[in-house]
Amino acid sequence: MKLQRAIGVGGAFEGWNPHMKDPVYRLLVPMTAPRGHCFHLELGNEEDLLARKSSIRVELECTCEREQDFGDVLCFLHHSEEELKKQGPSLLSTLCTDSYLDAEKTARWFQNFVKTAWVLMPQSEVYNVEVLPSTRTCKFQLTGAARRRLTTEIIFGVQQEDSDIFLSSQMRKDTSIPSTTWPQSCSVAERKFFQHVAREGMFNSIHLKCMQVCAHLVEGTVFPTYVVKTIVMHLLTNIPMAMWHKTDFLLRMDNIMQCLRGCVREKRLDHFFFGNEMVPDVIVLPPSFQNSEPINLFQYLKQNPYAEDDALEKFEVVRERLRRLITYGHERKYRARRRRRADRQ
């Protein structure tokens, strides 16, 4: 397998930490097929959100011409098994299941590769590495001499055409999918979006702080953090960056709450990257994304008659948490100012 330069994705690289805990540094490692192989991406149905049932079929390619010119590799298609013993086995016989790339086998292969390579790196004298439980990705915890811990997660991906969309080994929490399934991922596109906002915005922009606070507010409710992230991305393309100054914090938080409430009422929240003309040009999307009808993240509210009532009830919980945060937060700041004045006197 050919591994490309890793791309930092997720909250730690976007500039925010969703759950205010020690961040997990996620790195997506793009993969390309080795010589003598090719990848064919088989996407799931268009109705299936983010093609969760996608897979990567691996085929052998004839390398006889290269063999004649360079003699550095035998053709897997036109040599016998006995002759092929002189070189490494094909990808089909090592990391695939029924001709499809297997995410679990890929993760195990990489994990063993890291264990072997780590002892040869100078960092191994400073950091102790512990392999954390994971099946489709590789999680490592590095502990330094000062007992400071750094957690990283390696995700594997195959690029879809020349776009910022990848078929990824990562899966959603609390789900179970076959090891040969590689769902589409927008994590690289999301990272590029927030990089674009940072370049176009201002030093004191508070959009990341808004997401951080909202992620804390929705914790334990029916609203995933991704809902907050999607709402903020939509608002960032509709509200000028000059209006995301730190003095606008309460207004922008109110915008987010009103948008969340409206989306629940309408049972609709459009995915940011499907059929959205407001996506910045720096983000490269496949034609299927650009030409798609908007995909509704709140479709389940239409399908479940009880889900809307539950979502509205949980929204009131979120709004009450925000009210208490603002009220007591101001009170703490007021008391702190009084203490500082008293100390000066």
C-alpha atoms as a PDB file:
ATOM      1  CA  MET A   1       0.000   0.000   0.000  1.00  0.00           C
ATOM      2  CA  LYS A   2       1.247   3.500  -0.849  1.00  0.00           C
ATOM      3  CA  LEU A   3       0.651   5.972   1.975  1.00  0.00           C
ATOM      4  CA  GLN A   4       0.506   9.693   1.258  1.00  0.00           C
ATOM      5  CA  ARG A   5       1.172  12.613   3.575  1.00  0.00           C
ATOM      6  CA  ALA A   6      -1.294  12.664   6.480  1.00  0.00           C
ATOM      7  CA  ILE A   7      -3.990  15.351   6.708  1.00  0.00           C
ATOM      8  CA  GLY A   8      -5.069  16.638  10.115  1.00  0.00           C
ATOM      9  CA  VAL A   9      -8.864  16.500  10.489  1.00  0.00           C
ATOM     10  CA  GLY A  10     -11.435  16.973  13.233  1.00  0.00           C
ATOM     11  CA  GLY A  11     -11.858  19.533  15.977  1.00  0.00           C
ATOM     12  CA  ALA A  12      -8.222  19.569  17.157  1.00  0.00           C
ATOM     13  CA  PHE A  13      -7.056  20.718  13.705  1.00  0.00           C
ATOM     14  CA  GLU A  14     -10.077  22.947  13.022  1.00  0.00           C
ATOM     15  CA  GLY A  15      -9.293  24.943  16.154  1.00  0.00           C
ATOM     16  CA  TRP A  16     -11.896  23.749  18.651  1.00  0.00           C
ATOM     17  CA  ASN A  17     -12.355  20.871  21.067  1.00  0.00           C
ATOM     18  CA  PRO A  18     -15.960  19.590  20.953  1.00  0.00           C
ATOM     19  CA  HIS A  19     -16.201  18.083  24.437  1.00  0.00           C
ATOM     20  CA  MET A  20     -13.653  20.172  26.375  1.00  0.00           C
ATOM     21  CA  LYS A  21     -11.604  17.074  27.192  1.00  0.00           C
ATOM     22  CA  ASP A  22      -8.069  16.201  26.143  1.00  0.00           C
ATOM     23  CA  PRO A  23      -8.171  16.497  22.340  1.00  0.00           C
ATOM     24  CA  VAL A  24      -7.708  13.520  20.042  1.00  0.00           C
ATOM     25  CA  TYR A  25      -5.487  14.424  17.103  1.00  0.00           C
ATOM     26  CA  ARG A  26      -6.990  12.659  14.088  1.00  0.00           C
ATOM     27  CA  LEU A  27      -4.870  12.159  10.995  1.00  0.00           C
ATOM     28  CA  LEU A  28      -6.361  10.933   7.735  1.00  0.00           C
ATOM     29  CA  VAL A  29      -3.755   9.031   5.722  1.00  0.00           C
ATOM     30  CA  PRO A  30      -4.624   8.943   1.985  1.00  0.00           C
ATOM     31  CA  MET A  31      -3.806   5.633   0.301  1.00  0.00           C
ATOM     32  CA  THR A  32      -3.132   4.808  -3.329  1.00  0.00           C
ATOM     33  CA  ALA A  33      -2.858   1.379  -4.906  1.00  0.00           C
ATOM     34  CA  PRO A  34       0.610  -0.156  -5.245  1.00  0.00           C
ATOM     35  CA  ARG A  35       2.036  -1.071  -8.623  1.00  0.00           C
ATOM     36  CA  GLY A  36       0.149  -3.838 -10.310  1.00  0.00           C
ATOM     37  CA  HIS A  37      -3.118  -2.884  -8.604  1.00  0.00           C
ATOM     38  CA  CYS A  38      -5.902  -0.351  -9.045  1.00  0.00           C
ATOM     39  CA  PHE A  39      -8.772   0.872  -6.880  1.00  0.00           C
ATOM     40  CA  HIS A  40     -12.374   1.050  -8.102  1.00  0.00           C
ATOM     41  CA  LEU A  41     -14.644   3.050  -5.812  1.00  0.00           C
ATOM     42  CA  GLU A  42     -18.148   1.611  -5.592  1.00  0.00           C
ATOM     43  CA  LEU A  43     -20.393   4.215  -3.977  1.00  0.00           C
ATOM     44  CA  GLY A  44     -23.593   3.467  -2.122  1.00  0.00           C
ATOM     45  CA  ASN A  45     -27.032   4.624  -3.195  1.00  0.00           C
ATOM     46  CA  GLU A  46     -27.572   8.368  -3.574  1.00  0.00           C
ATOM     47  CA  GLU A  47     -30.393   8.154  -1.044  1.00  0.00           C
ATOM     48  CA  ASP A  48     -27.949   6.746   1.507  1.00  0.00           C
ATOM     49  CA  LEU A  49     -26.546   9.728   3.411  1.00  0.00           C
ATOM     50  CA  LEU A  50     -22.845  10.098   2.628  1.00  0.00           C
ATOM     51  CA  ALA A  51     -22.840   6.734   0.830  1.00  0.00           C
ATOM     52  CA  ARG A  52     -22.308   4.761   4.021  1.00  0.00           C
ATOM     53  CA  LYS A  53     -22.359   1.490   2.074  1.00  0.00           C
ATOM     54  CA  SER A  54     -19.472   2.388  -0.244  1.00  0.00           C
ATOM     55  CA  SER A  55     -16.605  -0.011  -0.863  1.00  0.00           C
ATOM     56  CA  ILE A  56     -13.240  -0.184  -2.643  1.00  0.00           C
ATOM     57  CA  ARG A  57     -12.772  -2.987  -5.136  1.00  0.00           C
ATOM     58  CA  VAL A  58      -9.161  -3.972  -5.857  1.00  0.00           C
ATOM     59  CA  GLU A  59      -8.129  -5.301  -9.275  1.00  0.00           C
ATOM     60  CA  LEU A  60      -4.797  -6.485 -10.638  1.00  0.00           C
ATOM     61  CA  GLU A  61      -3.217  -4.606 -13.537  1.00  0.00           C
ATOM     62  CA  CYS A  62      -0.809  -5.911 -16.144  1.00  0.00           C
ATOM     63  CA  THR A  63       2.746  -4.666 -15.534  1.00  0.00           C
ATOM     64  CA  CYS A  64       4.462  -6.762 -18.213  1.00  0.00           C
ATOM     65  CA  GLU A  65       5.593  -3.666 -20.120  1.00  0.00           C
ATOM     66  CA  ARG A  66       7.194  -2.177 -17.016  1.00  0.00           C
ATOM     67  CA  GLU A  67       8.762  -5.544 -16.244  1.00  0.00           C
ATOM     68  CA  GLN A  68      10.397  -5.555 -19.674  1.00  0.00           C
ATOM     69  CA  ASP A  69      11.598  -1.945 -19.346  1.00  0.00           C
ATOM     70  CA  PHE A  70      12.765  -1.895 -15.720  1.00  0.00           C
ATOM     71  CA  GLY A  71      12.619  -5.463 -14.454  1.00  0.00           C
ATOM     72  CA  ASP A  72      11.756  -4.222 -10.936  1.00  0.00           C
ATOM     73  CA  VAL A  73       8.415  -5.994 -10.515  1.00  0.00           C
ATOM     74  CA  LEU A  74       6.761  -9.156 -11.782  1.00  0.00           C
ATOM     75  CA  CYS A  75       3.295  -9.010 -13.296  1.00  0.00           C
ATOM     76  CA  PHE A  76       0.748 -10.499 -10.903  1.00  0.00           C
ATOM     77  CA  LEU A  77      -1.551 -11.319 -13.811  1.00  0.00           C
ATOM     78  CA  HIS A  78       0.876 -13.155 -16.055  1.00  0.00           C
ATOM     79  CA  HIS A  79       3.262 -15.000 -13.749  1.00  0.00           C
ATOM     80  CA  SER A  80       2.732 -18.222 -11.863  1.00  0.00           C
ATOM     81  CA  GLU A  81       2.488 -18.359  -8.064  1.00  0.00           C
ATOM     82  CA  GLU A  82       5.868 -20.044  -7.956  1.00  0.00           C
ATOM     83  CA  GLU A  83       7.505 -17.162  -9.827  1.00  0.00           C
ATOM     84  CA  LEU A  84       5.711 -14.551  -7.718  1.00  0.00           C
ATOM     85  CA  LYS A  85       7.240 -15.965  -4.531  1.00  0.00           C
ATOM     86  CA  LYS A  86      10.320 -13.911  -5.417  1.00  0.00           C
ATOM     87  CA  GLN A  87       8.460 -10.715  -4.528  1.00  0.00           C
ATOM     88  CA  GLY A  88       5.887  -9.634  -1.962  1.00  0.00           C
ATOM     89  CA  PRO A  89       2.318 -10.934  -2.167  1.00  0.00           C
ATOM     90  CA  SER A  90      -0.408  -8.981  -3.920  1.00  0.00           C
ATOM     91  CA  LEU A  91      -2.745  -6.648  -2.078  1.00  0.00           C
ATOM     92  CA  LEU A  92      -5.607  -9.012  -2.906  1.00  0.00           C
ATOM     93  CA  SER A  93      -4.050 -11.769  -0.825  1.00  0.00           C
ATOM     94  CA  THR A  94      -3.110  -9.608   2.167  1.00  0.00           C
ATOM     95  CA  LEU A  95      -5.452  -6.649   2.835  1.00  0.00           C
ATOM     96  CA  CYS A  96      -8.604  -7.660   0.943  1.00  0.00           C
ATOM     97  CA  THR A  97     -11.673  -9.779   1.564  1.00  0.00           C
ATOM     98  CA  ASP A  98     -13.418 -11.088  -1.564  1.00  0.00           C
ATOM     99  CA  SER A  99     -11.527  -8.571  -3.772  1.00  0.00           C
ATOM    100  CA  TYR A 100     -12.561  -5.602  -1.579  1.00  0.00           C
ATOM    101  CA  LEU A 101     -10.172  -3.599   0.563  1.00  0.00           C
ATOM    102  CA  ASP A 102     -10.691  -4.547   4.198  1.00  0.00           C
ATOM    103  CA  ALA A 103     -10.517  -1.679   6.718  1.00  0.00           C
ATOM    104  CA  GLU A 104      -9.798  -3.944   9.693  1.00  0.00           C
ATOM    105  CA  LYS A 105      -6.965  -5.774   7.917  1.00  0.00           C
ATOM    106  CA  THR A 106      -5.528  -2.427   6.805  1.00  0.00           C
ATOM    107  CA  ALA A 107      -5.601  -1.088  10.377  1.00  0.00           C
ATOM    108  CA  ARG A 108      -3.866  -4.216  11.736  1.00  0.00           C
ATOM    109  CA  TRP A 109      -1.213  -4.020   9.012  1.00  0.00           C
ATOM    110  CA  PHE A 110      -0.471  -0.376   9.805  1.00  0.00           C
ATOM    111  CA  GLN A 111      -0.456  -1.014  13.552  1.00  0.00           C
ATOM    112  CA  ASN A 112       2.165  -3.740  13.152  1.00  0.00           C
ATOM    113  CA  PHE A 113       4.121  -1.463  10.821  1.00  0.00           C
ATOM    114  CA  VAL A 114       4.178   1.310  13.453  1.00  0.00           C
ATOM    115  CA  LYS A 115       5.241  -1.080  16.221  1.00  0.00           C
ATOM    116  CA  THR A 116       8.206  -2.180  14.122  1.00  0.00           C
ATOM    117  CA  ALA A 117       9.173   1.304  12.928  1.00  0.00           C
ATOM    118  CA  TRP A 118       8.724   3.139  16.246  1.00  0.00           C
ATOM    119  CA  VAL A 119      11.734   1.561  17.957  1.00  0.00           C
ATOM    120  CA  LEU A 120      13.960   2.955  15.171  1.00  0.00           C
ATOM    121  CA  MET A 121      12.768   6.545  15.637  1.00  0.00           C
ATOM    122  CA  PRO A 122      14.550   8.990  17.981  1.00  0.00           C
ATOM    123  CA  GLN A 123      11.184   9.947  19.560  1.00  0.00           C
ATOM    124  CA  SER A 124      10.954   6.445  21.033  1.00  0.00           C
ATOM    125  CA  GLU A 125      13.530   7.490  23.647  1.00  0.00           C
ATOM    126  CA  VAL A 126      11.242  10.311  24.822  1.00  0.00           C
ATOM    127  CA  TYR A 127       7.724   8.909  24.413  1.00  0.00           C
ATOM    128  CA  ASN A 128       6.190   5.638  25.464  1.00  0.00           C
ATOM    129  CA  VAL A 129       3.528   4.407  23.015  1.00  0.00           C
ATOM    130  CA  GLU A 130       0.426   2.486  24.041  1.00  0.00           C
ATOM    131  CA  VAL A 131      -1.878   0.998  21.413  1.00  0.00           C
ATOM    132  CA  LEU A 132      -5.519   1.740  22.288  1.00  0.00           C
ATOM    133  CA  PRO A 133      -8.423  -0.577  21.333  1.00  0.00           C
ATOM    134  CA  SER A 134      -9.712   0.077  17.812  1.00  0.00           C
ATOM    135  CA  THR A 135     -10.713  -2.063  14.852  1.00  0.00           C
ATOM    136  CA  ARG A 136     -10.964   0.134  11.742  1.00  0.00           C
ATOM    137  CA  THR A 137      -8.512   2.875  12.751  1.00  0.00           C
ATOM    138  CA  CYS A 138      -5.269   2.967  14.736  1.00  0.00           C
ATOM    139  CA  LYS A 139      -5.267   4.759  18.084  1.00  0.00           C
ATOM    140  CA  PHE A 140      -2.058   5.486  19.951  1.00  0.00           C
ATOM    141  CA  GLN A 141      -1.401   7.227  23.241  1.00  0.00           C
ATOM    142  CA  LEU A 142       2.027   8.790  23.625  1.00  0.00           C
ATOM    143  CA  THR A 143       3.231   9.517  27.152  1.00  0.00           C
ATOM    144  CA  GLY A 144       6.244  11.779  27.692  1.00  0.00           C
ATOM    145  CA  ALA A 145       8.686  11.990  30.581  1.00  0.00           C
ATOM    146  CA  ALA A 146       6.506  14.654  32.231  1.00  0.00           C
ATOM    147  CA  ARG A 147       3.535  12.218  32.064  1.00  0.00           C
ATOM    148  CA  ARG A 148       1.841  14.428  29.516  1.00  0.00           C
ATOM    149  CA  ARG A 149      -0.360  12.310  27.250  1.00  0.00           C
ATOM    150  CA  LEU A 150      -1.018  12.802  23.569  1.00  0.00           C
ATOM    151  CA  THR A 151      -3.703  10.717  21.842  1.00  0.00           C
ATOM    152  CA  THR A 152      -3.684  10.271  18.074  1.00  0.00           C
ATOM    153  CA  GLU A 153      -6.017   8.358  15.781  1.00  0.00           C
ATOM    154  CA  ILE A 154      -4.902   7.283  12.324  1.00  0.00           C
ATOM    155  CA  ILE A 155      -7.756   7.070   9.796  1.00  0.00           C
ATOM    156  CA  PHE A 156      -7.267   5.573   6.350  1.00  0.00           C
ATOM    157  CA  GLY A 157      -8.858   7.022   3.235  1.00  0.00           C
ATOM    158  CA  VAL A 158      -9.014   6.746  -0.535  1.00  0.00           C
ATOM    159  CA  GLN A 159      -9.655   9.982  -2.409  1.00  0.00           C
ATOM    160  CA  GLN A 160     -12.794  10.242  -4.517  1.00  0.00           C
ATOM    161  CA  GLU A 161     -11.657  11.507  -7.906  1.00  0.00           C
ATOM    162  CA  ASP A 162      -9.577  14.697  -7.359  1.00  0.00           C
ATOM    163  CA  SER A 163     -11.891  16.056  -4.680  1.00  0.00           C
ATOM    164  CA  ASP A 164     -11.689  16.728  -0.947  1.00  0.00           C
ATOM    165  CA  ILE A 165     -14.048  13.807  -0.288  1.00  0.00           C
ATOM    166  CA  PHE A 166     -12.594  10.463   0.800  1.00  0.00           C
ATOM    167  CA  LEU A 167     -13.846   6.966   1.404  1.00  0.00           C
ATOM    168  CA  SER A 168     -12.759   6.558   5.005  1.00  0.00           C
ATOM    169  CA  SER A 169     -12.124   3.687   7.401  1.00  0.00           C
ATOM    170  CA  GLN A 170     -13.665   5.702  10.248  1.00  0.00           C
ATOM    171  CA  MET A 171     -17.240   4.892  11.194  1.00  0.00           C
ATOM    172  CA  ARG A 172     -19.806   6.714  13.277  1.00  0.00           C
ATOM    173  CA  LYS A 173     -20.072   5.951  16.957  1.00  0.00           C
ATOM    174  CA  ASP A 174     -22.460   3.213  18.069  1.00  0.00           C
ATOM    175  CA  THR A 175     -22.627   1.686  14.590  1.00  0.00           C
ATOM    176  CA  SER A 176     -21.422  -1.597  13.199  1.00  0.00           C
ATOM    177  CA  ILE A 177     -20.587  -1.989   9.521  1.00  0.00           C
ATOM    178  CA  PRO A 178     -18.822  -4.698   7.466  1.00  0.00           C
ATOM    179  CA  SER A 179     -15.038  -4.437   7.371  1.00  0.00           C
ATOM    180  CA  THR A 180     -15.164  -3.940   3.584  1.00  0.00           C
ATOM    181  CA  THR A 181     -17.430  -0.883   3.858  1.00  0.00           C
ATOM    182  CA  TRP A 182     -15.745   2.533   3.512  1.00  0.00           C
ATOM    183  CA  PRO A 183     -18.254   5.398   4.072  1.00  0.00           C
ATOM    184  CA  GLN A 184     -17.733   8.757   2.405  1.00  0.00           C
ATOM    185  CA  SER A 185     -16.135  11.374   4.643  1.00  0.00           C
ATOM    186  CA  CYS A 186     -16.220  15.184   4.425  1.00  0.00           C
ATOM    187  CA  SER A 187     -13.642  15.686   7.174  1.00  0.00           C
ATOM    188  CA  VAL A 188     -10.965  17.050   4.814  1.00  0.00           C
ATOM    189  CA  ALA A 189     -13.468  19.425   3.186  1.00  0.00           C
ATOM    190  CA  GLU A 190     -14.539  20.628   6.655  1.00  0.00           C
ATOM    191  CA  ARG A 191     -10.922  21.281   7.652  1.00  0.00           C
ATOM    192  CA  LYS A 192     -10.410  23.293   4.457  1.00  0.00           C
ATOM    193  CA  PHE A 193     -13.599  25.252   5.131  1.00  0.00           C
ATOM    194  CA  PHE A 194     -12.414  26.403   8.555  1.00  0.00           C
ATOM    195  CA  GLN A 195      -8.973  27.211   7.143  1.00  0.00           C
ATOM    196  CA  HIS A 196     -10.705  29.360   4.528  1.00  0.00           C
ATOM    197  CA  VAL A 197     -12.781  31.102   7.200  1.00  0.00           C
ATOM    198  CA  ALA A 198      -9.625  31.799   9.224  1.00  0.00           C
ATOM    199  CA  ARG A 199      -7.939  33.390   6.200  1.00  0.00           C
ATOM    200  CA  GLU A 200     -10.986  35.463   5.285  1.00  0.00           C
ATOM    201  CA  GLY A 201     -11.917  36.386   8.846  1.00  0.00           C
ATOM    202  CA  MET A 202     -10.320  38.292  11.669  1.00  0.00           C
ATOM    203  CA  PHE A 203      -8.077  37.453  14.583  1.00  0.00           C
ATOM    204  CA  ASN A 204     -10.820  37.891  17.184  1.00  0.00           C
ATOM    205  CA  SER A 205     -13.498  35.882  15.349  1.00  0.00           C
ATOM    206  CA  ILE A 206     -15.622  33.918  17.816  1.00  0.00           C
ATOM    207  CA  HIS A 207     -17.137  31.240  15.550  1.00  0.00           C
ATOM    208  CA  LEU A 208     -14.938  28.532  17.083  1.00  0.00           C
ATOM    209  CA  LYS A 209     -15.860  29.661  20.594  1.00  0.00           C
ATOM    210  CA  CYS A 210     -19.538  29.499  19.631  1.00  0.00           C
ATOM    211  CA  MET A 211     -19.144  25.919  18.414  1.00  0.00           C
ATOM    212  CA  GLN A 212     -17.210  24.992  21.550  1.00  0.00           C
ATOM    213  CA  VAL A 213     -19.911  26.347  23.852  1.00  0.00           C
ATOM    214  CA  CYS A 214     -22.771  24.847  21.822  1.00  0.00           C
ATOM    215  CA  ALA A 215     -21.105  21.435  21.746  1.00  0.00           C
ATOM    216  CA  HIS A 216     -21.030  21.564  25.539  1.00  0.00           C
ATOM    217  CA  LEU A 217     -24.681  22.650  25.683  1.00  0.00           C
ATOM    218  CA  VAL A 218     -25.994  19.792  23.498  1.00  0.00           C
ATOM    219  CA  GLU A 219     -23.964  17.096  25.244  1.00  0.00           C
ATOM    220  CA  GLY A 220     -26.262  14.309  26.414  1.00  0.00           C
ATOM    221  CA  THR A 221     -29.199  15.451  24.250  1.00  0.00           C
ATOM    222  CA  VAL A 222     -30.520  14.122  20.935  1.00  0.00           C
ATOM    223  CA  PHE A 223     -28.444  16.685  19.008  1.00  0.00           C
ATOM    224  CA  PRO A 224     -25.034  15.428  17.830  1.00  0.00           C
ATOM    225  CA  THR A 225     -22.130  17.849  17.781  1.00  0.00           C
ATOM    226  CA  TYR A 226     -22.208  17.615  13.975  1.00  0.00           C
ATOM    227  CA  VAL A 227     -25.604  19.377  13.988  1.00  0.00           C
ATOM    228  CA  VAL A 228     -24.024  22.374  15.747  1.00  0.00           C
ATOM    229  CA  LYS A 229     -21.091  22.318  13.345  1.00  0.00           C
ATOM    230  CA  THR A 230     -23.392  22.236  10.309  1.00  0.00           C
ATOM    231  CA  ILE A 231     -25.489  25.158  11.580  1.00  0.00           C
ATOM    232  CA  VAL A 232     -22.381  27.267  12.236  1.00  0.00           C
ATOM    233  CA  MET A 233     -20.975  26.500   8.764  1.00  0.00           C
ATOM    234  CA  HIS A 234     -24.248  27.655   7.181  1.00  0.00           C
ATOM    235  CA  LEU A 235     -24.268  30.827   9.299  1.00  0.00           C
ATOM    236  CA  LEU A 236     -20.633  31.595   8.421  1.00  0.00           C
ATOM    237  CA  THR A 237     -21.567  31.745   4.742  1.00  0.00           C
ATOM    238  CA  ASN A 238     -24.598  33.960   5.389  1.00  0.00           C
ATOM    239  CA  ILE A 239     -23.379  36.350   8.098  1.00  0.00           C
ATOM    240  CA  PRO A 240     -20.367  38.545   7.168  1.00  0.00           C
ATOM    241  CA  MET A 241     -17.179  37.777   9.071  1.00  0.00           C
ATOM    242  CA  ALA A 242     -17.110  41.365  10.354  1.00  0.00           C
ATOM    243  CA  MET A 243     -20.128  40.386  12.480  1.00  0.00           C
ATOM    244  CA  TRP A 244     -18.305  37.517  14.232  1.00  0.00           C
ATOM    245  CA  HIS A 245     -16.293  39.754  16.549  1.00  0.00           C
ATOM    246  CA  LYS A 246     -16.062  38.857  20.235  1.00  0.00           C
ATOM    247  CA  THR A 247     -18.532  41.645  21.028  1.00  0.00           C
ATOM    248  CA  ASP A 248     -21.084  39.820  18.855  1.00  0.00           C
ATOM    249  CA  PHE A 249     -20.899  36.599  20.865  1.00  0.00           C
ATOM    250  CA  LEU A 250     -24.393  36.740  22.368  1.00  0.00           C
ATOM    251  CA  LEU A 251     -25.963  37.698  19.034  1.00  0.00           C
ATOM    252  CA  ARG A 252     -24.303  34.818  17.230  1.00  0.00           C
ATOM    253  CA  MET A 253     -25.252  32.376  19.991  1.00  0.00           C
ATOM    254  CA  ASP A 254     -28.831  33.578  19.625  1.00  0.00           C
ATOM    255  CA  ASN A 255     -28.583  33.018  15.858  1.00  0.00           C
ATOM    256  CA  ILE A 256     -27.448  29.440  16.438  1.00  0.00           C
ATOM    257  CA  MET A 257     -30.241  28.732  18.924  1.00  0.00           C
ATOM    258  CA  GLN A 258     -32.899  30.250  16.654  1.00  0.00           C
ATOM    259  CA  CYS A 259     -31.576  28.278  13.691  1.00  0.00           C
ATOM    260  CA  LEU A 260     -31.594  25.027  15.684  1.00  0.00           C
ATOM    261  CA  ARG A 261     -35.152  25.642  16.852  1.00  0.00           C
ATOM    262  CA  GLY A 262     -36.312  26.518  13.325  1.00  0.00           C
ATOM    263  CA  CYS A 263     -34.677  23.395  11.875  1.00  0.00           C
ATOM    264  CA  VAL A 264     -36.419  21.194  14.436  1.00  0.00           C
ATOM    265  CA  ARG A 265     -39.761  22.889  13.718  1.00  0.00           C
ATOM    266  CA  GLU A 266     -39.325  22.450   9.968  1.00  0.00           C
ATOM    267  CA  LYS A 267     -37.808  18.977  10.450  1.00  0.00           C
ATOM    268  CA  ARG A 268     -35.022  20.002   8.102  1.00  0.00           C
ATOM    269  CA  LEU A 269     -31.309  20.743   8.353  1.00  0.00           C
ATOM    270  CA  ASP A 270     -29.451  20.588   5.044  1.00  0.00           C
ATOM    271  CA  HIS A 271     -26.034  18.961   4.924  1.00  0.00           C
ATOM    272  CA  PHE A 272     -23.513  21.694   4.162  1.00  0.00           C
ATOM    273  CA  PHE A 273     -21.771  20.070   1.184  1.00  0.00           C
ATOM    274  CA  PHE A 274     -24.674  18.668  -0.863  1.00  0.00           C
ATOM    275  CA  GLY A 275     -26.317  20.952  -3.416  1.00  0.00           C
ATOM    276  CA  ASN A 276     -25.092  24.066  -1.593  1.00  0.00           C
ATOM    277  CA  GLU A 277     -24.055  26.934  -3.871  1.00  0.00           C
ATOM    278  CA  MET A 278     -22.498  28.763  -0.898  1.00  0.00           C
ATOM    279  CA  VAL A 279     -19.626  26.282  -0.486  1.00  0.00           C
ATOM    280  CA  PRO A 280     -16.366  28.233  -1.029  1.00  0.00           C
ATOM    281  CA  ASP A 281     -14.559  27.574  -4.313  1.00  0.00           C
ATOM    282  CA  VAL A 282     -11.402  26.450  -2.508  1.00  0.00           C
ATOM    283  CA  ILE A 283     -13.210  23.240  -1.559  1.00  0.00           C
ATOM    284  CA  VAL A 284     -13.269  20.678  -4.365  1.00  0.00           C
ATOM    285  CA  LEU A 285     -16.386  18.529  -4.406  1.00  0.00           C
ATOM    286  CA  PRO A 286     -17.321  15.651  -6.739  1.00  0.00           C
ATOM    287  CA  PRO A 287     -19.978  16.483  -9.367  1.00  0.00           C
ATOM    288  CA  SER A 288     -22.400  14.194  -7.512  1.00  0.00           C
ATOM    289  CA  PHE A 289     -22.214  16.538  -4.512  1.00  0.00           C
ATOM    290  CA  GLN A 290     -22.559  19.705  -6.569  1.00  0.00           C
ATOM    291  CA  ASN A 291     -25.511  18.418  -8.607  1.00  0.00           C
ATOM    292  CA  SER A 292     -27.247  16.722  -5.694  1.00  0.00           C
ATOM    293  CA  GLU A 293     -30.446  17.835  -4.080  1.00  0.00           C
ATOM    294  CA  PRO A 294     -29.839  19.012  -0.493  1.00  0.00           C
ATOM    295  CA  ILE A 295     -29.658  16.125   1.962  1.00  0.00           C
ATOM    296  CA  ASN A 296     -31.728  16.519   5.121  1.00  0.00           C
ATOM    297  CA  LEU A 297     -29.901  15.618   8.352  1.00  0.00           C
ATOM    298  CA  PHE A 298     -33.233  15.826  10.211  1.00  0.00           C
ATOM    299  CA  GLN A 299     -35.040  13.373   7.942  1.00  0.00           C
ATOM    300  CA  TYR A 300     -35.595  11.104  10.943  1.00  0.00           C
ATOM    301  CA  LEU A 301     -37.877  13.761  12.474  1.00  0.00           C
ATOM    302  CA  LYS A 302     -40.251  13.302   9.547  1.00  0.00           C
ATOM    303  CA  GLN A 303     -40.145   9.546   9.815  1.00  0.00           C
ATOM    304  CA  ASN A 304     -40.768   9.362  13.569  1.00  0.00           C
ATOM    305  CA  PRO A 305     -43.879  11.231  14.813  1.00  0.00           C
ATOM    306  CA  TYR A 306     -42.546  11.255  18.386  1.00  0.00           C
ATOM    307  CA  ALA A 307     -39.051  12.447  17.497  1.00  0.00           C
ATOM    308  CA  GLU A 308     -40.063  16.083  16.890  1.00  0.00           C
ATOM    309  CA  ASP A 309     -41.637  16.457  20.342  1.00  0.00           C
ATOM    310  CA  ASP A 310     -38.564  14.912  21.932  1.00  0.00           C
ATOM    311  CA  ALA A 311     -36.248  17.186  19.914  1.00  0.00           C
ATOM    312  CA  LEU A 312     -38.227  20.303  20.897  1.00  0.00           C
ATOM    313  CA  GLU A 313     -38.124  19.224  24.539  1.00  0.00           C
ATOM    314  CA  LYS A 314     -34.356  18.728  24.358  1.00  0.00           C
ATOM    315  CA  PHE A 315     -34.003  22.101  22.631  1.00  0.00           C
ATOM    316  CA  GLU A 316     -35.595  23.752  25.664  1.00  0.00           C
ATOM    317  CA  VAL A 317     -33.023  21.947  27.816  1.00  0.00           C
ATOM    318  CA  VAL A 318     -30.242  23.356  25.632  1.00  0.00           C
ATOM    319  CA  ARG A 319     -31.685  26.868  25.753  1.00  0.00           C
ATOM    320  CA  GLU A 320     -32.029  26.721  29.545  1.00  0.00           C
ATOM    321  CA  ARG A 321     -28.411  25.591  29.831  1.00  0.00           C
ATOM    322  CA  LEU A 322     -27.387  28.606  27.737  1.00  0.00           C
ATOM    323  CA  ARG A 323     -29.465  30.976  29.886  1.00  0.00           C
ATOM    324  CA  ARG A 324     -27.853  29.668  33.067  1.00  0.00           C
ATOM    325  CA  LEU A 325     -24.395  29.817  31.516  1.00  0.00           C
ATOM    326  CA  ILE A 326     -24.868  33.462  30.520  1.00  0.00           C
ATOM    327  CA  THR A 327     -26.472  34.462  33.822  1.00  0.00           C
ATOM    328  CA  TYR A 328     -24.016  32.795  36.157  1.00  0.00           C
ATOM    329  CA  GLY A 329     -21.111  33.574  33.854  1.00  0.00           C
ATOM    330  CA  HIS A 330     -21.869  37.296  34.107  1.00  0.00           C
ATOM    331  CA  GLU A 331     -22.301  36.966  37.876  1.00  0.00           C
ATOM    332  CA  ARG A 332     -18.897  35.281  38.226  1.00  0.00           C
ATOM    333  CA  LYS A 333     -17.251  38.006  36.123  1.00  0.00           C
ATOM    334  CA  TYR A 334     -18.979  40.699  38.228  1.00  0.00           C
ATOM    335  CA  ARG A 335     -17.790  39.123  41.472  1.00  0.00           C
ATOM    336  CA  ALA A 336     -14.275  38.739  40.075  1.00  0.00           C
ATOM    337  CA  ARG A 337     -14.176  42.439  39.118  1.00  0.00           C
ATOM    338  CA  ARG A 338     -15.348  43.415  42.610  1.00  0.00           C
ATOM    339  CA  ARG A 339     -12.617  41.251  44.185  1.00  0.00           C
ATOM    340  CA  ARG A 340      -9.963  42.861  41.980  1.00  0.00           C
ATOM    341  CA  ARG A 341     -11.169  46.366  42.915  1.00  0.00           C
ATOM    342  CA  ALA A 342     -11.147  45.425  46.613  1.00  0.00           C
ATOM    343  CA  ASP A 343      -7.635  44.043  46.327  1.00  0.00           C
ATOM    344  CA  ARG A 344      -6.398  47.245  44.678  1.00  0.00           C
ATOM    345  CA  GLN A 345      -7.963  49.350  47.441  1.00  0.00           C
END
